[in-house]
PDB file of N, CA and C in Angstrom:
ATOM      1  N   UNK A   1       0.930  -1.050  -0.090  1.00  0.00           N
ATOM      2  CA  UNK A   1       0.050  -0.097   0.026  1.00  0.00           C
ATOM      3  C   UNK A   1       0.880   1.315   0.066  1.00  0.00           C
ATOM      4  N   UNK A   2       1.549   1.139   1.023  1.00  0.00           N
ATOM      5  CA  UNK A   2       2.788   2.178   0.558  1.00  0.00           C
ATOM      6  C   UNK A   2       3.713   2.731  -0.158  1.00  0.00           C
ATOM      7  N   UNK A   3       4.010   1.357  -1.091  1.00  0.00           N
ATOM      8  CA  UNK A   3       4.282   1.330  -2.718  1.00  0.00           C
ATOM      9  C   UNK A   3       3.272   2.221  -3.632  1.00  0.00           C
ATOM     10  N   UNK A   4       2.183   1.801  -3.154  1.00  0.00           N
ATOM     11  CA  UNK A   4       1.098   2.349  -4.353  1.00  0.00           C
ATOM     12  C   UNK A   4       0.915   3.582  -3.870  1.00  0.00           C
ATOM     13  N   UNK A   5       0.954   3.957  -2.565  1.00  0.00           N
ATOM     14  CA  UNK A   5       0.990   5.603  -2.577  1.00  0.00           C
ATOM     15  C   UNK A   5       2.145   6.327  -3.176  1.00  0.00           C
ATOM     16  N   UNK A   6       3.268   6.120  -2.681  1.00  0.00           N
ATOM     17  CA  UNK A   6       4.230   6.867  -3.205  1.00  0.00           C
ATOM     18  C   UNK A   6       5.093   6.863  -4.774  1.00  0.00           C
ATOM     19  N   UNK A   7       4.425   5.441  -5.620  1.00  0.00           N
ATOM     20  CA  UNK A   7       4.147   5.681  -7.136  1.00  0.00           C
ATOM     21  C   UNK A   7       2.855   6.725  -7.186  1.00  0.00           C
ATOM     22  N   UNK A   8       1.646   7.137  -6.422  1.00  0.00           N
ATOM     23  CA  UNK A   8       0.724   8.063  -6.597  1.00  0.00           C
ATOM     24  C   UNK A   8       1.140   9.135  -6.619  1.00  0.00           C
ATOM     25  N   UNK A   9       1.999   9.553  -5.811  1.00  0.00           N
ATOM     26  CA  UNK A   9       2.873  10.850  -5.090  1.00  0.00           C
ATOM     27  C   UNK A   9       3.743  11.537  -6.346  1.00  0.00           C
ATOM     28  N   UNK A  10       4.615  10.087  -6.602  1.00  0.00           N
ATOM     29  CA  UNK A  10       5.558  10.429  -7.458  1.00  0.00           C
ATOM     30  C   UNK A  10       4.884  11.256  -9.465  1.00  0.00           C
ATOM     31  N   UNK A  11       3.514   9.964  -9.359  1.00  0.00           N
ATOM     32  CA  UNK A  11       2.805  10.649 -10.684  1.00  0.00           C
ATOM     33  C   UNK A  11       2.046  11.946 -10.785  1.00  0.00           C
ATOM     34  N   UNK A  12       2.130  11.905  -9.564  1.00  0.00           N
ATOM     35  CA  UNK A  12       1.145  13.288  -9.581  1.00  0.00           C
ATOM     36  C   UNK A  12       2.559  14.865  -9.771  1.00  0.00           C
ATOM     37  N   UNK A  13       3.652  14.347  -9.050  1.00  0.00           N
ATOM     38  CA  UNK A  13       4.499  15.504  -8.791  1.00  0.00           C
ATOM     39  C   UNK A  13       5.175  15.791 -10.697  1.00  0.00           C
ATOM     40  N   UNK A  14       5.615  14.544 -11.418  1.00  0.00           N
ATOM     41  CA  UNK A  14       5.668  14.267 -13.004  1.00  0.00           C
ATOM     42  C   UNK A  14       4.554  15.133 -13.640  1.00  0.00           C
ATOM     43  N   UNK A  15       2.927  14.790 -13.472  1.00  0.00           N
ATOM     44  CA  UNK A  15       1.839  15.939 -13.932  1.00  0.00           C
ATOM     45  C   UNK A  15       2.209  17.363 -13.688  1.00  0.00           C
ATOM     46  N   UNK A  16       2.174  17.712 -12.305  1.00  0.00           N
ATOM     47  CA  UNK A  16       2.804  18.872 -11.974  1.00  0.00           C
ATOM     48  C   UNK A  16       3.774  19.744 -12.920  1.00  0.00           C
ATOM     49  N   UNK A  17       4.790  19.194 -12.323  1.00  0.00           N
ATOM     50  CA  UNK A  17       6.239  19.485 -12.924  1.00  0.00           C
ATOM     51  C   UNK A  17       5.361  19.538 -15.112  1.00  0.00           C
ATOM     52  N   UNK A  18       5.323  18.532 -15.721  1.00  0.00           N
ATOM     53  CA  UNK A  18       4.526  19.161 -17.089  1.00  0.00           C
ATOM     54  C   UNK A  18       3.443  20.041 -17.151  1.00  0.00           C
ATOM     55  N   UNK A  19       2.620  19.840 -16.218  1.00  0.00           N
ATOM     56  CA  UNK A  19       1.663  21.456 -16.468  1.00  0.00           C
ATOM     57  C   UNK A  19       2.422  22.420 -15.996  1.00  0.00           C
ATOM     58  N   UNK A  20       3.405  22.690 -14.949  1.00  0.00           N
ATOM     59  CA  UNK A  20       3.977  24.133 -14.793  1.00  0.00           C
ATOM     60  C   UNK A  20       4.969  24.062 -15.904  1.00  0.00           C
ATOM     61  N   UNK A  21       5.226  23.308 -16.928  1.00  0.00           N
ATOM     62  CA  UNK A  21       6.397  23.602 -17.935  1.00  0.00           C
ATOM     63  C   UNK A  21       5.380  24.400 -18.714  1.00  0.00           C
ATOM     64  N   UNK A  22       4.029  23.706 -19.127  1.00  0.00           N
ATOM     65  CA  UNK A  22       3.154  23.889 -20.449  1.00  0.00           C
ATOM     66  C   UNK A  22       2.845  25.566 -20.233  1.00  0.00           C
ATOM     67  N   UNK A  23       2.230  25.474 -18.859  1.00  0.00           N
ATOM     68  CA  UNK A  23       2.365  27.178 -18.057  1.00  0.00           C
ATOM     69  C   UNK A  23       3.457  28.154 -18.691  1.00  0.00           C
ATOM     70  N   UNK A  24       4.367  27.792 -18.039  1.00  0.00           N
ATOM     71  CA  UNK A  24       5.558  29.003 -18.473  1.00  0.00           C
ATOM     72  C   UNK A  24       5.255  29.121 -20.085  1.00  0.00           C
ATOM     73  N   UNK A  25       5.991  27.662 -20.814  1.00  0.00           N
ATOM     74  CA  UNK A  25       5.895  28.140 -22.394  1.00  0.00           C
ATOM     75  C   UNK A  25       4.495  28.812 -22.431  1.00  0.00           C
ATOM     76  N   UNK A  26       3.543  29.056 -22.254  1.00  0.00           N
ATOM     77  CA  UNK A  26       2.142  29.891 -22.387  1.00  0.00           C
ATOM     78  C   UNK A  26       2.638  31.582 -21.710  1.00  0.00           C
ATOM     79  N   UNK A  27       2.670  31.778 -20.991  1.00  0.00           N
ATOM     80  CA  UNK A  27       3.513  32.455 -20.478  1.00  0.00           C
ATOM     81  C   UNK A  27       4.328  33.354 -21.165  1.00  0.00           C
ATOM     82  N   UNK A  28       5.468  32.903 -21.561  1.00  0.00           N
ATOM     83  CA  UNK A  28       6.380  33.363 -22.571  1.00  0.00           C
ATOM     84  C   UNK A  28       5.798  33.836 -23.383  1.00  0.00           C
ATOM     85  N   UNK A  29       4.850  32.388 -24.130  1.00  0.00           N
ATOM     86  CA  UNK A  29       4.366  33.261 -26.035  1.00  0.00           C
ATOM     87  C   UNK A  29       3.404  34.296 -25.793  1.00  0.00           C
ATOM     88  N   UNK A  30       3.282  34.719 -24.506  1.00  0.00           N
ATOM     89  CA  UNK A  30       2.318  35.779 -24.615  1.00  0.00           C
ATOM     90  C   UNK A  30       3.193  36.997 -24.288  1.00  0.00           C
ATOM     91  N   UNK A  31       3.834  36.878 -23.593  1.00  0.00           N
ATOM     92  CA  UNK A  31       4.931  38.077 -22.945  1.00  0.00           C
ATOM     93  C   UNK A  31       5.464  38.206 -24.325  1.00  0.00           C
ATOM     94  N   UNK A  32       5.699  37.437 -25.088  1.00  0.00           N
ATOM     95  CA  UNK A  32       6.559  37.607 -26.603  1.00  0.00           C
ATOM     96  C   UNK A  32       5.460  38.324 -27.485  1.00  0.00           C
ATOM     97  N   UNK A  33       4.520  38.278 -27.352  1.00  0.00           N
ATOM     98  CA  UNK A  33       3.264  38.636 -28.300  1.00  0.00           C
ATOM     99  C   UNK A  33       2.557  40.118 -27.709  1.00  0.00           C
ATOM    100  N   UNK A  34       3.011  40.012 -26.200  1.00  0.00           N
ATOM    101  CA  UNK A  34       2.371  41.779 -25.683  1.00  0.00           C
ATOM    102  C   UNK A  34       3.364  42.522 -26.332  1.00  0.00           C
ATOM    103  N   UNK A  35       4.953  42.341 -25.857  1.00  0.00           N
ATOM    104  CA  UNK A  35       6.145  42.938 -26.575  1.00  0.00           C
ATOM    105  C   UNK A  35       6.025  43.392 -28.418  1.00  0.00           C
ATOM    106  N   UNK A  36       5.630  42.095 -28.817  1.00  0.00           N
ATOM    107  CA  UNK A  36       5.373  42.478 -29.954  1.00  0.00           C
ATOM    108  C   UNK A  36       4.318  43.350 -30.310  1.00  0.00           C
ATOM    109  N   UNK A  37       3.048  43.819 -29.650  1.00  0.00           N
ATOM    110  CA  UNK A  37       1.971  45.085 -29.464  1.00  0.00           C
ATOM    111  C   UNK A  37       2.879  45.855 -29.609  1.00  0.00           C
ATOM    112  N   UNK A  38       3.778  45.936 -28.387  1.00  0.00           N
ATOM    113  CA  UNK A  38       3.847  47.349 -27.580  1.00  0.00           C
ATOM    114  C   UNK A  38       4.698  47.818 -28.862  1.00  0.00           C
ATOM    115  N   UNK A  39       5.982  47.086 -29.617  1.00  0.00           N
ATOM    116  CA  UNK A  39       6.647  47.516 -30.501  1.00  0.00           C
ATOM    117  C   UNK A  39       5.649  48.054 -31.709  1.00  0.00           C
ATOM    118  N   UNK A  40       4.818  47.336 -31.943  1.00  0.00           N
ATOM    119  CA  UNK A  40       3.862  47.575 -33.406  1.00  0.00           C
ATOM    120  C   UNK A  40       3.209  49.205 -33.393  1.00  0.00           C
ATOM    121  N   UNK A  41       2.940  49.235 -32.233  1.00  0.00           N
ATOM    122  CA  UNK A  41       2.596  50.640 -31.768  1.00  0.00           C
ATOM    123  C   UNK A  41       1.025  50.737 -32.499  1.00  0.00           C
ATOM    124  N   UNK A  42       0.225  49.878 -32.919  1.00  0.00           N
ATOM    125  CA  UNK A  42      -0.675  50.296 -33.339  1.00  0.00           C
ATOM    126  C   UNK A  42      -1.959  50.384 -32.486  1.00  0.00           C
ATOM    127  N   UNK A  43      -2.983  51.184 -33.190  1.00  0.00           N
ATOM    128  CA  UNK A  43      -4.138  51.618 -32.314  1.00  0.00           C
ATOM    129  C   UNK A  43      -5.282  50.018 -31.744  1.00  0.00           C
ATOM    130  N   UNK A  44      -5.083  49.393 -32.024  1.00  0.00           N
ATOM    131  CA  UNK A  44      -5.572  48.263 -31.722  1.00  0.00           C
ATOM    132  C   UNK A  44      -4.867  47.374 -31.045  1.00  0.00           C
ATOM    133  N   UNK A  45      -4.102  47.791 -30.131  1.00  0.00           N
ATOM    134  CA  UNK A  45      -2.881  47.165 -29.289  1.00  0.00           C
ATOM    135  C   UNK A  45      -3.215  46.774 -28.082  1.00  0.00           C
ATOM    136  N   UNK A  46      -4.283  47.743 -27.475  1.00  0.00           N
ATOM    137  CA  UNK A  46      -4.577  47.690 -26.454  1.00  0.00           C
ATOM    138  C   UNK A  46      -5.581  46.689 -25.936  1.00  0.00           C
ATOM    139  N   UNK A  47      -6.360  46.657 -27.344  1.00  0.00           N
ATOM    140  CA  UNK A  47      -7.479  45.637 -27.122  1.00  0.00           C
ATOM    141  C   UNK A  47      -6.890  44.293 -27.574  1.00  0.00           C
ATOM    142  N   UNK A  48      -5.809  43.922 -27.579  1.00  0.00           N
ATOM    143  CA  UNK A  48      -4.843  42.546 -28.192  1.00  0.00           C
ATOM    144  C   UNK A  48      -4.823  42.635 -26.869  1.00  0.00           C
ATOM    145  N   UNK A  49      -3.577  43.148 -26.071  1.00  0.00           N
ATOM    146  CA  UNK A  49      -2.843  43.175 -24.814  1.00  0.00           C
ATOM    147  C   UNK A  49      -4.038  43.044 -24.117  1.00  0.00           C
ATOM    148  N   UNK A  50      -5.222  43.279 -23.665  1.00  0.00           N
ATOM    149  CA  UNK A  50      -6.280  42.744 -22.975  1.00  0.00           C
ATOM    150  C   UNK A  50      -7.371  41.366 -23.437  1.00  0.00           C
ATOM    151  N   UNK A  51      -6.850  41.191 -24.398  1.00  0.00           N
ATOM    152  CA  UNK A  51      -6.976  39.854 -24.911  1.00  0.00           C
ATOM    153  C   UNK A  51      -5.724  39.065 -24.470  1.00  0.00           C
ATOM    154  N   UNK A  52      -4.606  39.390 -24.677  1.00  0.00           N
ATOM    155  CA  UNK A  52      -3.616  38.185 -24.196  1.00  0.00           C
ATOM    156  C   UNK A  52      -3.598  37.388 -23.039  1.00  0.00           C
ATOM    157  N   UNK A  53      -3.944  39.237 -21.644  1.00  0.00           N
ATOM    158  CA  UNK A  53      -3.889  38.881 -20.473  1.00  0.00           C
ATOM    159  C   UNK A  53      -4.750  37.844 -19.856  1.00  0.00           C
ATOM    160  N   UNK A  54      -5.811  38.296 -20.824  1.00  0.00           N
ATOM    161  CA  UNK A  54      -7.333  37.538 -20.393  1.00  0.00           C
ATOM    162  C   UNK A  54      -6.764  35.388 -20.511  1.00  0.00           C
ATOM    163  N   UNK A  55      -6.313  35.947 -22.046  1.00  0.00           N
ATOM    164  CA  UNK A  55      -5.857  34.026 -22.040  1.00  0.00           C
ATOM    165  C   UNK A  55      -4.793  33.820 -21.106  1.00  0.00           C
ATOM    166  N   UNK A  56      -3.885  34.283 -20.540  1.00  0.00           N
ATOM    167  CA  UNK A  56      -2.982  33.987 -19.859  1.00  0.00           C
ATOM    168  C   UNK A  56      -3.607  33.614 -18.623  1.00  0.00           C
ATOM    169  N   UNK A  57      -4.667  34.914 -18.026  1.00  0.00           N
ATOM    170  CA  UNK A  57      -5.560  33.658 -17.114  1.00  0.00           C
ATOM    171  C   UNK A  57      -5.569  32.749 -16.899  1.00  0.00           C
ATOM    172  N   UNK A  58      -6.561  32.317 -18.176  1.00  0.00           N
ATOM    173  CA  UNK A  58      -7.381  31.636 -18.477  1.00  0.00           C
ATOM    174  C   UNK A  58      -6.273  30.462 -18.662  1.00  0.00           C
ATOM    175  N   UNK A  59      -5.268  30.368 -19.133  1.00  0.00           N
ATOM    176  CA  UNK A  59      -4.270  29.072 -18.948  1.00  0.00           C
ATOM    177  C   UNK A  59      -3.902  28.708 -17.513  1.00  0.00           C
ATOM    178  N   UNK A  60      -3.636  29.680 -16.209  1.00  0.00           N
ATOM    179  CA  UNK A  60      -2.964  29.696 -15.440  1.00  0.00           C
ATOM    180  C   UNK A  60      -4.341  29.366 -14.707  1.00  0.00           C
ATOM    181  N   UNK A  61      -5.468  29.293 -14.829  1.00  0.00           N
ATOM    182  CA  UNK A  61      -6.798  28.621 -13.908  1.00  0.00           C
ATOM    183  C   UNK A  61      -6.943  27.245 -14.186  1.00  0.00           C
ATOM    184  N   UNK A  62      -6.794  26.885 -15.456  1.00  0.00           N
ATOM    185  CA  UNK A  62      -6.691  25.421 -15.497  1.00  0.00           C
ATOM    186  C   UNK A  62      -5.728  24.360 -15.096  1.00  0.00           C
ATOM    187  N   UNK A  63      -3.663  24.418 -14.829  1.00  0.00           N
ATOM    188  CA  UNK A  63      -3.184  23.624 -13.807  1.00  0.00           C
ATOM    189  C   UNK A  63      -3.855  24.223 -12.439  1.00  0.00           C
ATOM    190  N   UNK A  64      -4.209  25.326 -11.873  1.00  0.00           N
ATOM    191  CA  UNK A  64      -4.490  25.947 -10.959  1.00  0.00           C
ATOM    192  C   UNK A  64      -5.752  24.513  -9.844  1.00  0.00           C
ATOM    193  N   UNK A  65      -6.709  24.961 -10.794  1.00  0.00           N
ATOM    194  CA  UNK A  65      -7.545  23.360 -10.701  1.00  0.00           C
ATOM    195  C   UNK A  65      -7.332  22.518 -10.494  1.00  0.00           C
ATOM    196  N   UNK A  66      -6.391  21.836 -11.524  1.00  0.00           N
ATOM    197  CA  UNK A  66      -6.296  20.420 -11.769  1.00  0.00           C
ATOM    198  C   UNK A  66      -4.903  20.436 -10.150  1.00  0.00           C
ATOM    199  N   UNK A  67      -4.285  20.932  -9.663  1.00  0.00           N
ATOM    200  CA  UNK A  67      -3.272  20.835  -8.120  1.00  0.00           C
ATOM    201  C   UNK A  67      -4.128  20.816  -7.411  1.00  0.00           C
ATOM    202  N   UNK A  68      -5.253  22.062  -6.981  1.00  0.00           N
ATOM    203  CA  UNK A  68      -6.383  21.665  -6.239  1.00  0.00           C
ATOM    204  C   UNK A  68      -6.782  20.530  -5.980  1.00  0.00           C
ATOM    205  N   UNK A  69      -7.245  20.326  -7.185  1.00  0.00           N
ATOM    206  CA  UNK A  69      -8.588  19.059  -7.125  1.00  0.00           C
ATOM    207  C   UNK A  69      -7.188  17.236  -6.993  1.00  0.00           C
ATOM    208  N   UNK A  70      -5.944  17.566  -7.150  1.00  0.00           N
ATOM    209  CA  UNK A  70      -5.232  16.280  -6.912  1.00  0.00           C
ATOM    210  C   UNK A  70      -4.782  16.887  -5.812  1.00  0.00           C
ATOM    211  N   UNK A  71      -4.544  17.600  -5.244  1.00  0.00           N
ATOM    212  CA  UNK A  71      -4.489  17.875  -3.637  1.00  0.00           C
ATOM    213  C   UNK A  71      -5.804  17.044  -2.819  1.00  0.00           C
ATOM    214  N   UNK A  72      -6.632  17.570  -3.090  1.00  0.00           N
ATOM    215  CA  UNK A  72      -7.945  17.232  -2.305  1.00  0.00           C
ATOM    216  C   UNK A  72      -7.620  15.330  -2.598  1.00  0.00           C
ATOM    217  N   UNK A  73      -7.619  14.716  -3.722  1.00  0.00           N
ATOM    218  CA  UNK A  73      -7.484  13.405  -3.834  1.00  0.00           C
ATOM    219  C   UNK A  73      -6.175  12.813  -2.892  1.00  0.00           C
ATOM    220  N   UNK A  74      -4.646  13.711  -2.834  1.00  0.00           N
ATOM    221  CA  UNK A  74      -4.386  13.207  -2.418  1.00  0.00           C
ATOM    222  C   UNK A  74      -4.344  12.799  -0.908  1.00  0.00           C
ATOM    223  N   UNK A  75      -5.344  14.162  -0.282  1.00  0.00           N
ATOM    224  CA  UNK A  75      -5.695  14.149   1.652  1.00  0.00           C
ATOM    225  C   UNK A  75      -6.808  13.053   1.753  1.00  0.00           C
ATOM    226  N   UNK A  76      -7.343  12.640   0.108  1.00  0.00           N
ATOM    227  CA  UNK A  76      -8.604  11.690   0.971  1.00  0.00           C
ATOM    228  C   UNK A  76      -7.842  10.532   0.736  1.00  0.00           C
ATOM    229  N   UNK A  77      -6.852  10.081  -0.185  1.00  0.00           N
ATOM    230  CA  UNK A  77      -5.778   9.412  -0.021  1.00  0.00           C
ATOM    231  C   UNK A  77      -5.891   8.952   1.259  1.00  0.00           C
ATOM    232  N   UNK A  78      -4.720   9.698   1.680  1.00  0.00           N
ATOM    233  CA  UNK A  78      -4.374  10.145   3.118  1.00  0.00           C
ATOM    234  C   UNK A  78      -4.663   9.615   4.204  1.00  0.00           C
ATOM    235  N   UNK A  79      -6.333   9.852   3.900  1.00  0.00           N
ATOM    236  CA  UNK A  79      -7.121   9.653   5.310  1.00  0.00           C
ATOM    237  C   UNK A  79      -7.902   8.506   5.054  1.00  0.00           C
ATOM    238  N   UNK A  80      -8.128   8.091   3.772  1.00  0.00           N
ATOM    239  CA  UNK A  80      -8.021   6.164   3.962  1.00  0.00           C
ATOM    240  C   UNK A  80      -7.329   5.439   4.027  1.00  0.00           C
ATOM    241  N   UNK A  81      -6.597   6.096   4.303  1.00  0.00           N
ATOM    242  CA  UNK A  81      -4.682   4.988   4.396  1.00  0.00           C
ATOM    243  C   UNK A  81      -4.516   4.859   5.362  1.00  0.00           C
ATOM    244  N   UNK A  82      -4.888   6.239   6.696  1.00  0.00           N
ATOM    245  CA  UNK A  82      -4.800   6.185   7.944  1.00  0.00           C
ATOM    246  C   UNK A  82      -6.093   5.265   8.475  1.00  0.00           C
ATOM    247  N   UNK A  83      -7.276   5.602   8.253  1.00  0.00           N
ATOM    248  CA  UNK A  83      -8.265   4.428   8.877  1.00  0.00           C
ATOM    249  C   UNK A  83      -8.108   3.290   8.740  1.00  0.00           C
ATOM    250  N   UNK A  84      -7.321   2.390   7.488  1.00  0.00           N
ATOM    251  CA  UNK A  84      -6.995   1.425   7.185  1.00  0.00           C
ATOM    252  C   UNK A  84      -6.341   0.843   8.018  1.00  0.00           C
ATOM    253  N   UNK A  85      -5.296   1.503   8.353  1.00  0.00           N
ATOM    254  CA  UNK A  85      -4.228   1.468   9.808  1.00  0.00           C
ATOM    255  C   UNK A  85      -4.832   1.220  10.925  1.00  0.00           C
TER     256      UNK A  85
END
């Protein structure tokens, strides 16, 4: 049972690292996009910048929600293991 729990934690850490890397890539792409908008000086750049900010917030919301869900699952698993002991 301990080995299973350890494997689940390892898998959760790996998923978290993958999500963090993906989120970081999205943030970098959005920062590059915002920088290009600033340099272009177009009149619609503010609207596009706001859209990029919204996309960044949405990109961050998904990993945060998954992280919270995984934490709840880990707590439930721990509670279940403690009740069996």
